[in-house]
Amino acid sequence: MEEFWLFYMNQHSKPATRRWHFAGTLSSILCLMYSVLFNWWFLLFVPLFGYGLAWYSHFFVEGNVPATFGHPIWSLLCDFKMFGLMITGQMDREIKRLGKRPVLQAY
């Protein structure tokens, strides 16, 4: 997963992209919770918010193609990892840890 994580972080190099992903993941989690507790129809909004906000950030902020298109499972796992790092305040440290390593393999 570490190799894909390097690629994933390279695809999310701009802070605004990571913020849009955070908003999408949080919205998806909240919609999932709401749908389980109150109304199952809200399950339709889970991928709509999650992918919609993330893909917006790739096309209009980062200027690249979402990694989800080629590797949906790995991308989802890395998105949750990034969300966890952001919510615990460790994302800046992770960015510094990774530095500006070149990504040799385009997944």
C-alpha atoms as a PDB file:
ATOM      1  CA  MET A   1       0.000   0.000   0.000  1.00  0.00           C
ATOM      2  CA  GLU A   2       2.941   2.341   0.630  1.00  0.00           C
ATOM      3  CA  GLU A   3       3.809   2.445  -3.090  1.00  0.00           C
ATOM      4  CA  PHE A   4       0.267   3.376  -4.057  1.00  0.00           C
ATOM      5  CA  TRP A   5       0.127   5.856  -1.160  1.00  0.00           C
ATOM      6  CA  LEU A   6       3.074   7.723  -2.705  1.00  0.00           C
ATOM      7  CA  PHE A   7       1.269   7.849  -6.036  1.00  0.00           C
ATOM      8  CA  TYR A   8      -1.992   8.844  -4.341  1.00  0.00           C
ATOM      9  CA  MET A   9      -0.372  11.707  -2.466  1.00  0.00           C
ATOM     10  CA  ASN A  10       1.274  12.909  -5.650  1.00  0.00           C
ATOM     11  CA  GLN A  11      -2.204  13.062  -7.197  1.00  0.00           C
ATOM     12  CA  HIS A  12      -3.356  15.156  -4.213  1.00  0.00           C
ATOM     13  CA  SER A  13      -0.493  17.628  -4.051  1.00  0.00           C
ATOM     14  CA  LYS A  14      -2.612  20.751  -3.579  1.00  0.00           C
ATOM     15  CA  PRO A  15      -4.109  21.465  -0.153  1.00  0.00           C
ATOM     16  CA  ALA A  16      -7.412  22.486  -1.766  1.00  0.00           C
ATOM     17  CA  THR A  17      -7.706  19.047  -3.370  1.00  0.00           C
ATOM     18  CA  ARG A  18      -7.224  17.378  -0.010  1.00  0.00           C
ATOM     19  CA  ARG A  19      -9.821  19.712   1.564  1.00  0.00           C
ATOM     20  CA  TRP A  20     -12.402  18.826  -1.106  1.00  0.00           C
ATOM     21  CA  HIS A  21     -11.704  15.143  -0.459  1.00  0.00           C
ATOM     22  CA  PHE A  22     -12.128  15.684   3.266  1.00  0.00           C
ATOM     23  CA  ALA A  23     -15.471  17.394   2.683  1.00  0.00           C
ATOM     24  CA  GLY A  24     -16.608  14.587   0.386  1.00  0.00           C
ATOM     25  CA  THR A  25     -15.592  11.820   2.777  1.00  0.00           C
ATOM     26  CA  LEU A  26     -17.158  13.561   5.760  1.00  0.00           C
ATOM     27  CA  SER A  27     -20.377  14.190   3.817  1.00  0.00           C
ATOM     28  CA  SER A  28     -20.487  10.548   2.766  1.00  0.00           C
ATOM     29  CA  ILE A  29     -20.014   9.330   6.318  1.00  0.00           C
ATOM     30  CA  LEU A  30     -22.735  11.649   7.584  1.00  0.00           C
ATOM     31  CA  CYS A  31     -25.141  10.567   4.824  1.00  0.00           C
ATOM     32  CA  LEU A  32     -24.408   6.933   5.603  1.00  0.00           C
ATOM     33  CA  MET A  33     -25.142   7.484   9.288  1.00  0.00           C
ATOM     34  CA  TYR A  34     -28.333   9.390   8.492  1.00  0.00           C
ATOM     35  CA  SER A  35     -29.521   6.699   6.107  1.00  0.00           C
ATOM     36  CA  VAL A  36     -28.967   3.946   8.669  1.00  0.00           C
ATOM     37  CA  LEU A  37     -30.693   5.863  11.438  1.00  0.00           C
ATOM     38  CA  PHE A  38     -33.541   7.608   9.623  1.00  0.00           C
ATOM     39  CA  ASN A  39     -34.027   7.137   5.895  1.00  0.00           C
ATOM     40  CA  TRP A  40     -32.468   4.465   3.653  1.00  0.00           C
ATOM     41  CA  TRP A  41     -32.943   6.665   0.585  1.00  0.00           C
ATOM     42  CA  PHE A  42     -30.003   8.757   1.749  1.00  0.00           C
ATOM     43  CA  LEU A  43     -27.711   5.885   0.723  1.00  0.00           C
ATOM     44  CA  LEU A  44     -27.960   7.359  -2.779  1.00  0.00           C
ATOM     45  CA  PHE A  45     -26.100  10.440  -1.551  1.00  0.00           C
ATOM     46  CA  VAL A  46     -23.142   8.524  -0.119  1.00  0.00           C
ATOM     47  CA  PRO A  47     -21.290   8.007  -3.434  1.00  0.00           C
ATOM     48  CA  LEU A  48     -22.721  11.208  -4.897  1.00  0.00           C
ATOM     49  CA  PHE A  49     -21.096  13.387  -2.237  1.00  0.00           C
ATOM     50  CA  GLY A  50     -17.980  11.268  -1.800  1.00  0.00           C
ATOM     51  CA  TYR A  51     -17.032  10.910  -5.425  1.00  0.00           C
ATOM     52  CA  GLY A  52     -18.648  14.122  -6.632  1.00  0.00           C
ATOM     53  CA  LEU A  53     -16.609  16.436  -4.434  1.00  0.00           C
ATOM     54  CA  ALA A  54     -13.421  14.421  -4.895  1.00  0.00           C
ATOM     55  CA  TRP A  55     -13.739  14.304  -8.669  1.00  0.00           C
ATOM     56  CA  TYR A  56     -14.510  18.011  -8.786  1.00  0.00           C
ATOM     57  CA  SER A  57     -11.213  18.648  -7.030  1.00  0.00           C
ATOM     58  CA  HIS A  58      -9.282  16.517  -9.502  1.00  0.00           C
ATOM     59  CA  PHE A  59     -10.779  18.042 -12.632  1.00  0.00           C
ATOM     60  CA  PHE A  60     -10.959  21.687 -11.538  1.00  0.00           C
ATOM     61  CA  VAL A  61      -8.370  22.123  -8.758  1.00  0.00           C
ATOM     62  CA  GLU A  62      -5.607  19.549  -9.248  1.00  0.00           C
ATOM     63  CA  GLY A  63      -5.982  19.220 -13.013  1.00  0.00           C
ATOM     64  CA  ASN A  64      -5.583  15.448 -13.202  1.00  0.00           C
ATOM     65  CA  VAL A  65      -7.649  12.279 -13.522  1.00  0.00           C
ATOM     66  CA  PRO A  66      -8.923  10.670 -10.316  1.00  0.00           C
ATOM     67  CA  ALA A  67      -6.990   7.563  -9.264  1.00  0.00           C
ATOM     68  CA  THR A  68     -10.382   5.941  -8.635  1.00  0.00           C
ATOM     69  CA  PHE A  69     -10.771   5.361 -12.365  1.00  0.00           C
ATOM     70  CA  GLY A  70      -7.843   2.945 -12.456  1.00  0.00           C
ATOM     71  CA  HIS A  71      -7.689   1.625  -8.899  1.00  0.00           C
ATOM     72  CA  PRO A  72     -10.989   2.075  -7.066  1.00  0.00           C
ATOM     73  CA  ILE A  73     -10.215  -0.068  -4.004  1.00  0.00           C
ATOM     74  CA  TRP A  74      -6.727   1.292  -3.392  1.00  0.00           C
ATOM     75  CA  SER A  75      -8.008   4.835  -3.890  1.00  0.00           C
ATOM     76  CA  LEU A  76     -10.818   4.343  -1.385  1.00  0.00           C
ATOM     77  CA  LEU A  77      -8.403   2.938   1.210  1.00  0.00           C
ATOM     78  CA  CYS A  78      -5.984   5.817   0.681  1.00  0.00           C
ATOM     79  CA  ASP A  79      -8.831   8.331   0.857  1.00  0.00           C
ATOM     80  CA  PHE A  80      -9.814   6.994   4.274  1.00  0.00           C
ATOM     81  CA  LYS A  81      -6.166   7.077   5.335  1.00  0.00           C
ATOM     82  CA  MET A  82      -5.878  10.706   4.219  1.00  0.00           C
ATOM     83  CA  PHE A  83      -9.161  11.542   5.981  1.00  0.00           C
ATOM     84  CA  GLY A  84      -7.869   9.940   9.181  1.00  0.00           C
ATOM     85  CA  LEU A  85      -4.598  11.853   8.996  1.00  0.00           C
ATOM     86  CA  MET A  86      -6.451  15.110   8.404  1.00  0.00           C
ATOM     87  CA  ILE A  87      -8.972  14.645  11.204  1.00  0.00           C
ATOM     88  CA  THR A  88      -6.191  13.820  13.686  1.00  0.00           C
ATOM     89  CA  GLY A  89      -4.021  16.740  12.549  1.00  0.00           C
ATOM     90  CA  GLN A  90      -1.215  14.537  11.220  1.00  0.00           C
ATOM     91  CA  MET A  91      -1.524  15.320   7.507  1.00  0.00           C
ATOM     92  CA  ASP A  92       1.092  18.098   7.510  1.00  0.00           C
ATOM     93  CA  ARG A  93       3.583  15.761   9.141  1.00  0.00           C
ATOM     94  CA  GLU A  94       2.830  13.102   6.515  1.00  0.00           C
ATOM     95  CA  ILE A  95       3.365  15.612   3.702  1.00  0.00           C
ATOM     96  CA  LYS A  96       6.728  16.535   5.207  1.00  0.00           C
ATOM     97  CA  ARG A  97       7.610  12.863   5.655  1.00  0.00           C
ATOM     98  CA  LEU A  98       6.932  12.144   2.009  1.00  0.00           C
ATOM     99  CA  GLY A  99       8.763  15.229   0.808  1.00  0.00           C
ATOM    100  CA  LYS A 100       8.907  15.649  -2.938  1.00  0.00           C
ATOM    101  CA  ARG A 101       9.685  12.084  -3.859  1.00  0.00           C
ATOM    102  CA  PRO A 102       9.282  11.386  -7.554  1.00  0.00           C
ATOM    103  CA  VAL A 103       6.608   8.909  -8.508  1.00  0.00           C
ATOM    104  CA  LEU A 104       8.194   6.588 -11.017  1.00  0.00           C
ATOM    105  CA  GLN A 105       5.225   4.368 -11.719  1.00  0.00           C
ATOM    106  CA  ALA A 106       1.994   5.807 -13.026  1.00  0.00           C
ATOM    107  CA  TYR A 107      -0.601   3.410 -11.781  1.00  0.00           C
END
